[in-house]
Amino acid sequence: MHRNLLTGVIGAALVLGPLGFAQQPQNSQREAAQPQRGPKTAEPRGESDGVQQAIAYQRAKDRADARQAKLEERHPSVDYSNADRRMDDSSGGRHAPDPGPAQPKKDKNQ
C-alpha cells in the first residue's frame, strides 16, 4: 500500500513538474511568430524592455506591500497598545548605585 502511494506521488511529480517550471517564450520568439506589420516604430517613451520589466516588477512589489499592510491592519502580528515604556519604573529588577566619576589609575612603576 505504501509503495503504491509513493509510486503515485513520484509519478505525479514527474508528470506535473515540467508544467510548474515552464517558461514564457522569449521576446525574439514572439516577434518571429508575429507577422510583420510594416516599419517598426520607436519604443514608447524611449524605454527598453528591461526598464519596462523593472517598472512592472516595482508595481507588483508595491501592490504586494499594500496587500500586506491591509492584512496587518486587520490582524496585527505585533500589539503596540500594551507596551510599557516608562523610564521611572522603580518596581522590580535590581538597582545599581552610581559609582561616581572614574578614579585615575596608579602607575605600578612608581
N, C-alpha and C. Protein backbone atom coordinates (compact mmCIF):
# COMPACT_ATOMS: atom_id res chain seq x y z
N MET A 1 0.82 -1.19 0.00
CA MET A 1 0.00 0.00 0.00
C MET A 1 0.87 1.25 0.00
N HIS A 2 1.85 1.29 0.88
CA HIS A 2 2.73 2.46 0.95
C HIS A 2 3.54 2.60 -0.33
N ARG A 3 3.92 1.46 -0.91
CA ARG A 3 4.70 1.50 -2.15
C ARG A 3 3.86 2.09 -3.29
N ASN A 4 2.59 1.72 -3.36
CA ASN A 4 1.71 2.25 -4.41
C ASN A 4 1.49 3.75 -4.23
N LEU A 5 1.31 4.18 -3.00
CA LEU A 5 1.11 5.59 -2.73
C LEU A 5 2.37 6.38 -3.10
N LEU A 6 3.52 5.87 -2.70
CA LEU A 6 4.78 6.54 -3.02
C LEU A 6 5.01 6.58 -4.53
N THR A 7 4.70 5.51 -5.20
CA THR A 7 4.85 5.47 -6.66
C THR A 7 3.92 6.48 -7.33
N GLY A 8 2.70 6.61 -6.84
CA GLY A 8 1.75 7.56 -7.40
C GLY A 8 2.20 9.00 -7.20
N VAL A 9 2.72 9.30 -6.02
CA VAL A 9 3.18 10.66 -5.74
C VAL A 9 4.38 11.00 -6.60
N ILE A 10 5.34 10.09 -6.70
CA ILE A 10 6.52 10.34 -7.53
C ILE A 10 6.13 10.48 -8.99
N GLY A 11 5.22 9.62 -9.46
CA GLY A 11 4.76 9.72 -10.85
C GLY A 11 4.07 11.05 -11.13
N ALA A 12 3.24 11.50 -10.21
CA ALA A 12 2.56 12.78 -10.40
C ALA A 12 3.57 13.92 -10.42
N ALA A 13 4.58 13.85 -9.55
CA ALA A 13 5.60 14.90 -9.53
C ALA A 13 6.39 14.92 -10.84
N LEU A 14 6.68 13.76 -11.38
CA LEU A 14 7.42 13.71 -12.63
C LEU A 14 6.59 14.21 -13.81
N VAL A 15 5.30 13.93 -13.78
CA VAL A 15 4.43 14.35 -14.89
C VAL A 15 4.11 15.84 -14.79
N LEU A 16 3.82 16.31 -13.58
CA LEU A 16 3.38 17.70 -13.43
C LEU A 16 4.54 18.66 -13.16
N GLY A 17 5.72 18.17 -12.90
CA GLY A 17 6.87 19.02 -12.62
C GLY A 17 7.20 19.99 -13.74
N PRO A 18 7.31 19.53 -14.97
CA PRO A 18 7.64 20.46 -16.05
C PRO A 18 6.60 21.56 -16.26
N LEU A 19 5.36 21.29 -15.92
CA LEU A 19 4.33 22.33 -16.06
C LEU A 19 4.59 23.48 -15.08
N GLY A 20 5.08 23.17 -13.91
CA GLY A 20 5.35 24.20 -12.92
C GLY A 20 6.55 25.06 -13.28
N PHE A 21 7.48 24.50 -14.03
CA PHE A 21 8.69 25.24 -14.37
C PHE A 21 8.71 25.71 -15.82
N ALA A 22 7.57 25.68 -16.48
CA ALA A 22 7.50 26.15 -17.87
C ALA A 22 7.79 27.65 -17.90
N GLN A 23 8.45 28.09 -18.95
CA GLN A 23 8.81 29.49 -19.08
C GLN A 23 7.99 30.15 -20.19
N GLN A 24 7.88 31.46 -20.08
CA GLN A 24 7.24 32.22 -21.13
C GLN A 24 8.18 32.27 -22.32
N PRO A 25 7.65 32.33 -23.55
CA PRO A 25 8.54 32.44 -24.71
C PRO A 25 9.29 33.77 -24.69
N GLN A 26 10.51 33.74 -25.18
CA GLN A 26 11.34 34.93 -25.20
C GLN A 26 10.79 35.94 -26.20
N ASN A 27 11.18 37.20 -26.07
CA ASN A 27 10.70 38.26 -26.95
C ASN A 27 11.04 37.98 -28.40
N SER A 28 12.24 37.45 -28.66
CA SER A 28 12.64 37.19 -30.04
C SER A 28 11.75 36.11 -30.66
N GLN A 29 11.34 35.13 -29.87
CA GLN A 29 10.45 34.09 -30.39
C GLN A 29 9.06 34.66 -30.64
N ARG A 30 8.59 35.56 -29.79
CA ARG A 30 7.28 36.17 -30.01
C ARG A 30 7.28 37.02 -31.28
N GLU A 31 8.35 37.79 -31.47
CA GLU A 31 8.41 38.64 -32.65
C GLU A 31 8.50 37.83 -33.92
N ALA A 32 9.21 36.69 -33.86
CA ALA A 32 9.31 35.84 -35.04
C ALA A 32 7.97 35.19 -35.36
N ALA A 33 7.16 34.92 -34.36
CA ALA A 33 5.87 34.27 -34.58
C ALA A 33 4.83 35.27 -35.11
N GLN A 34 4.99 36.55 -34.81
CA GLN A 34 4.02 37.55 -35.25
C GLN A 34 4.37 38.02 -36.66
N PRO A 35 3.36 38.23 -37.50
CA PRO A 35 3.64 38.71 -38.85
C PRO A 35 4.11 40.16 -38.82
N GLN A 36 4.90 40.54 -39.80
CA GLN A 36 5.40 41.91 -39.91
C GLN A 36 4.25 42.83 -40.30
N ARG A 37 4.13 43.96 -39.64
CA ARG A 37 3.05 44.91 -39.91
C ARG A 37 3.60 46.23 -40.40
N GLY A 38 4.65 46.22 -41.10
CA GLY A 38 5.21 47.46 -41.62
C GLY A 38 6.44 47.84 -40.82
N PRO A 39 6.91 49.07 -41.01
CA PRO A 39 8.12 49.50 -40.33
C PRO A 39 7.91 49.55 -38.81
N LYS A 40 8.92 49.13 -38.10
CA LYS A 40 8.84 49.11 -36.65
C LYS A 40 9.04 50.53 -36.12
N THR A 41 8.15 50.94 -35.24
CA THR A 41 8.24 52.29 -34.67
C THR A 41 9.12 52.25 -33.44
N ALA A 42 9.48 53.42 -32.97
CA ALA A 42 10.32 53.52 -31.77
C ALA A 42 9.53 53.03 -30.56
N GLU A 43 10.23 52.58 -29.56
CA GLU A 43 9.58 52.09 -28.36
C GLU A 43 8.92 53.26 -27.64
N PRO A 44 7.82 52.99 -26.93
CA PRO A 44 7.12 54.09 -26.25
C PRO A 44 8.00 54.75 -25.21
N ARG A 45 8.05 56.05 -25.27
CA ARG A 45 8.80 56.90 -24.34
C ARG A 45 10.27 56.53 -24.26
N GLY A 46 10.79 55.84 -25.24
CA GLY A 46 12.21 55.54 -25.28
C GLY A 46 12.67 54.53 -24.24
N GLU A 47 11.76 53.73 -23.67
CA GLU A 47 12.12 52.77 -22.64
C GLU A 47 12.41 51.41 -23.26
N SER A 48 13.40 50.74 -22.75
CA SER A 48 13.72 49.41 -23.24
C SER A 48 12.87 48.37 -22.51
N ASP A 49 12.96 47.14 -22.95
CA ASP A 49 12.21 46.06 -22.31
C ASP A 49 12.64 45.87 -20.86
N GLY A 50 13.93 46.02 -20.60
CA GLY A 50 14.42 45.86 -19.24
C GLY A 50 13.85 46.89 -18.30
N VAL A 51 13.74 48.13 -18.77
CA VAL A 51 13.18 49.20 -17.94
C VAL A 51 11.70 48.93 -17.69
N GLN A 52 11.00 48.49 -18.74
CA GLN A 52 9.57 48.19 -18.57
C GLN A 52 9.36 47.04 -17.60
N GLN A 53 10.23 46.03 -17.67
CA GLN A 53 10.12 44.91 -16.73
C GLN A 53 10.41 45.37 -15.31
N ALA A 54 11.38 46.26 -15.14
CA ALA A 54 11.70 46.77 -13.81
C ALA A 54 10.53 47.57 -13.24
N ILE A 55 9.88 48.37 -14.09
CA ILE A 55 8.73 49.15 -13.64
C ILE A 55 7.59 48.22 -13.25
N ALA A 56 7.34 47.19 -14.07
CA ALA A 56 6.28 46.23 -13.75
C ALA A 56 6.59 45.50 -12.45
N TYR A 57 7.85 45.13 -12.24
CA TYR A 57 8.25 44.45 -11.00
C TYR A 57 8.02 45.35 -9.80
N GLN A 58 8.39 46.61 -9.91
CA GLN A 58 8.22 47.55 -8.80
C GLN A 58 6.75 47.75 -8.49
N ARG A 59 5.91 47.84 -9.51
CA ARG A 59 4.46 48.00 -9.28
C ARG A 59 3.89 46.77 -8.59
N ALA A 60 4.35 45.58 -9.00
CA ALA A 60 3.88 44.35 -8.36
C ALA A 60 4.32 44.31 -6.90
N LYS A 61 5.54 44.77 -6.63
CA LYS A 61 6.03 44.82 -5.26
C LYS A 61 5.20 45.79 -4.43
N ASP A 62 4.86 46.94 -5.01
CA ASP A 62 4.04 47.93 -4.30
C ASP A 62 2.65 47.37 -3.98
N ARG A 63 2.07 46.63 -4.95
CA ARG A 63 0.77 46.01 -4.71
C ARG A 63 0.86 44.99 -3.58
N ALA A 64 1.93 44.20 -3.57
CA ALA A 64 2.10 43.21 -2.52
C ALA A 64 2.28 43.88 -1.16
N ASP A 65 3.03 44.99 -1.12
CA ASP A 65 3.20 45.72 0.13
C ASP A 65 1.87 46.28 0.63
N ALA A 66 1.06 46.79 -0.28
CA ALA A 66 -0.25 47.32 0.11
C ALA A 66 -1.14 46.21 0.64
N ARG A 67 -1.10 45.05 -0.02
CA ARG A 67 -1.88 43.90 0.43
C ARG A 67 -1.44 43.48 1.84
N GLN A 68 -0.14 43.43 2.06
CA GLN A 68 0.38 43.05 3.36
C GLN A 68 -0.01 44.07 4.43
N ALA A 69 0.01 45.35 4.08
CA ALA A 69 -0.38 46.39 5.03
C ALA A 69 -1.85 46.25 5.42
N LYS A 70 -2.71 45.92 4.46
CA LYS A 70 -4.12 45.71 4.78
C LYS A 70 -4.30 44.52 5.70
N LEU A 71 -3.55 43.43 5.43
CA LEU A 71 -3.64 42.27 6.30
C LEU A 71 -3.17 42.59 7.71
N GLU A 72 -2.08 43.31 7.82
CA GLU A 72 -1.55 43.69 9.13
C GLU A 72 -2.51 44.63 9.85
N GLU A 73 -3.22 45.46 9.09
CA GLU A 73 -4.17 46.38 9.70
C GLU A 73 -5.33 45.61 10.32
N ARG A 74 -5.78 44.57 9.62
CA ARG A 74 -6.89 43.76 10.13
C ARG A 74 -6.45 42.84 11.26
N HIS A 75 -5.29 42.21 11.10
CA HIS A 75 -4.79 41.24 12.07
C HIS A 75 -3.33 41.56 12.37
N PRO A 76 -3.06 42.51 13.24
CA PRO A 76 -1.66 42.87 13.50
C PRO A 76 -0.90 41.73 14.17
N SER A 77 0.34 41.54 13.76
CA SER A 77 1.15 40.48 14.35
C SER A 77 1.84 40.99 15.62
N VAL A 78 1.92 42.29 15.80
CA VAL A 78 2.52 42.88 16.99
C VAL A 78 1.51 43.83 17.60
N ASP A 79 1.29 43.70 18.90
CA ASP A 79 0.34 44.56 19.58
C ASP A 79 1.10 45.68 20.27
N TYR A 80 0.97 46.89 19.76
CA TYR A 80 1.70 48.03 20.30
C TYR A 80 0.94 48.71 21.44
N SER A 81 -0.28 48.32 21.71
CA SER A 81 -1.09 49.05 22.68
C SER A 81 -0.72 48.75 24.12
N ASN A 82 -0.10 47.60 24.41
CA ASN A 82 0.16 47.25 25.80
C ASN A 82 1.64 47.36 26.16
N ALA A 83 2.41 48.05 25.38
CA ALA A 83 3.84 48.20 25.67
C ALA A 83 4.04 49.19 26.82
N ASP A 84 4.88 48.82 27.77
CA ASP A 84 5.17 49.69 28.90
C ASP A 84 6.58 50.22 28.73
N ARG A 85 6.68 51.49 28.38
CA ARG A 85 7.99 52.07 28.10
C ARG A 85 8.34 53.17 29.10
N ARG A 86 7.83 53.08 30.31
CA ARG A 86 8.12 54.10 31.30
C ARG A 86 9.56 54.00 31.77
N MET A 87 10.20 55.15 31.96
CA MET A 87 11.57 55.18 32.43
C MET A 87 11.64 55.18 33.96
N ASP A 88 10.56 55.56 34.63
CA ASP A 88 10.58 55.68 36.08
C ASP A 88 10.08 54.42 36.76
N ASP A 89 10.32 53.29 36.19
CA ASP A 89 9.87 52.02 36.75
C ASP A 89 10.80 51.64 37.90
N SER A 90 10.36 51.92 39.13
CA SER A 90 11.20 51.61 40.29
C SER A 90 10.88 50.25 40.87
N SER A 91 9.79 49.65 40.44
CA SER A 91 9.43 48.35 40.98
C SER A 91 10.08 47.25 40.14
N GLY A 92 10.56 46.24 40.80
CA GLY A 92 11.13 45.10 40.11
C GLY A 92 12.54 45.37 39.62
N GLY A 93 13.32 44.34 39.48
CA GLY A 93 14.67 44.47 38.98
C GLY A 93 15.62 44.97 40.04
N ARG A 94 16.90 44.89 39.77
CA ARG A 94 17.91 45.36 40.70
C ARG A 94 18.30 46.79 40.37
N HIS A 95 18.66 47.53 41.40
CA HIS A 95 19.09 48.91 41.21
C HIS A 95 20.58 48.98 41.50
N ALA A 96 21.36 49.40 40.53
CA ALA A 96 22.80 49.55 40.72
C ALA A 96 23.09 51.00 41.06
N PRO A 97 23.78 51.24 42.20
CA PRO A 97 24.09 52.63 42.57
C PRO A 97 25.12 53.23 41.62
N ASP A 98 25.08 54.53 41.48
CA ASP A 98 26.03 55.24 40.61
C ASP A 98 27.38 55.29 41.31
N PRO A 99 28.46 54.77 40.68
CA PRO A 99 29.75 54.75 41.34
C PRO A 99 30.45 56.10 41.36
N GLY A 100 29.96 57.07 40.65
CA GLY A 100 30.59 58.38 40.62
C GLY A 100 31.63 58.46 39.52
N PRO A 101 32.46 59.52 39.55
CA PRO A 101 33.46 59.67 38.48
C PRO A 101 34.53 58.60 38.57
N ALA A 102 35.15 58.30 37.45
CA ALA A 102 36.18 57.27 37.40
C ALA A 102 37.42 57.73 38.14
N GLN A 103 38.02 56.80 38.88
CA GLN A 103 39.23 57.11 39.65
C GLN A 103 40.45 56.93 38.75
N PRO A 104 41.43 57.86 38.82
CA PRO A 104 42.63 57.68 38.00
C PRO A 104 43.43 56.47 38.49
N LYS A 105 43.99 55.72 37.56
CA LYS A 105 44.77 54.53 37.91
C LYS A 105 46.19 54.92 38.31
N LYS A 106 46.70 54.22 39.32
CA LYS A 106 48.06 54.49 39.79
C LYS A 106 49.03 53.70 38.93
N ASP A 107 50.17 54.29 38.63
CA ASP A 107 51.19 53.63 37.81
C ASP A 107 51.95 52.65 38.71
N LYS A 108 52.14 51.41 38.26
CA LYS A 108 52.81 50.39 39.04
C LYS A 108 54.31 50.64 39.18
N ASN A 109 54.93 51.35 38.26
CA ASN A 109 56.37 51.54 38.28
C ASN A 109 56.82 52.54 39.34
N GLN A 110 55.99 53.37 39.85
CA GLN A 110 56.41 54.39 40.80
C GLN A 110 56.24 53.97 42.22
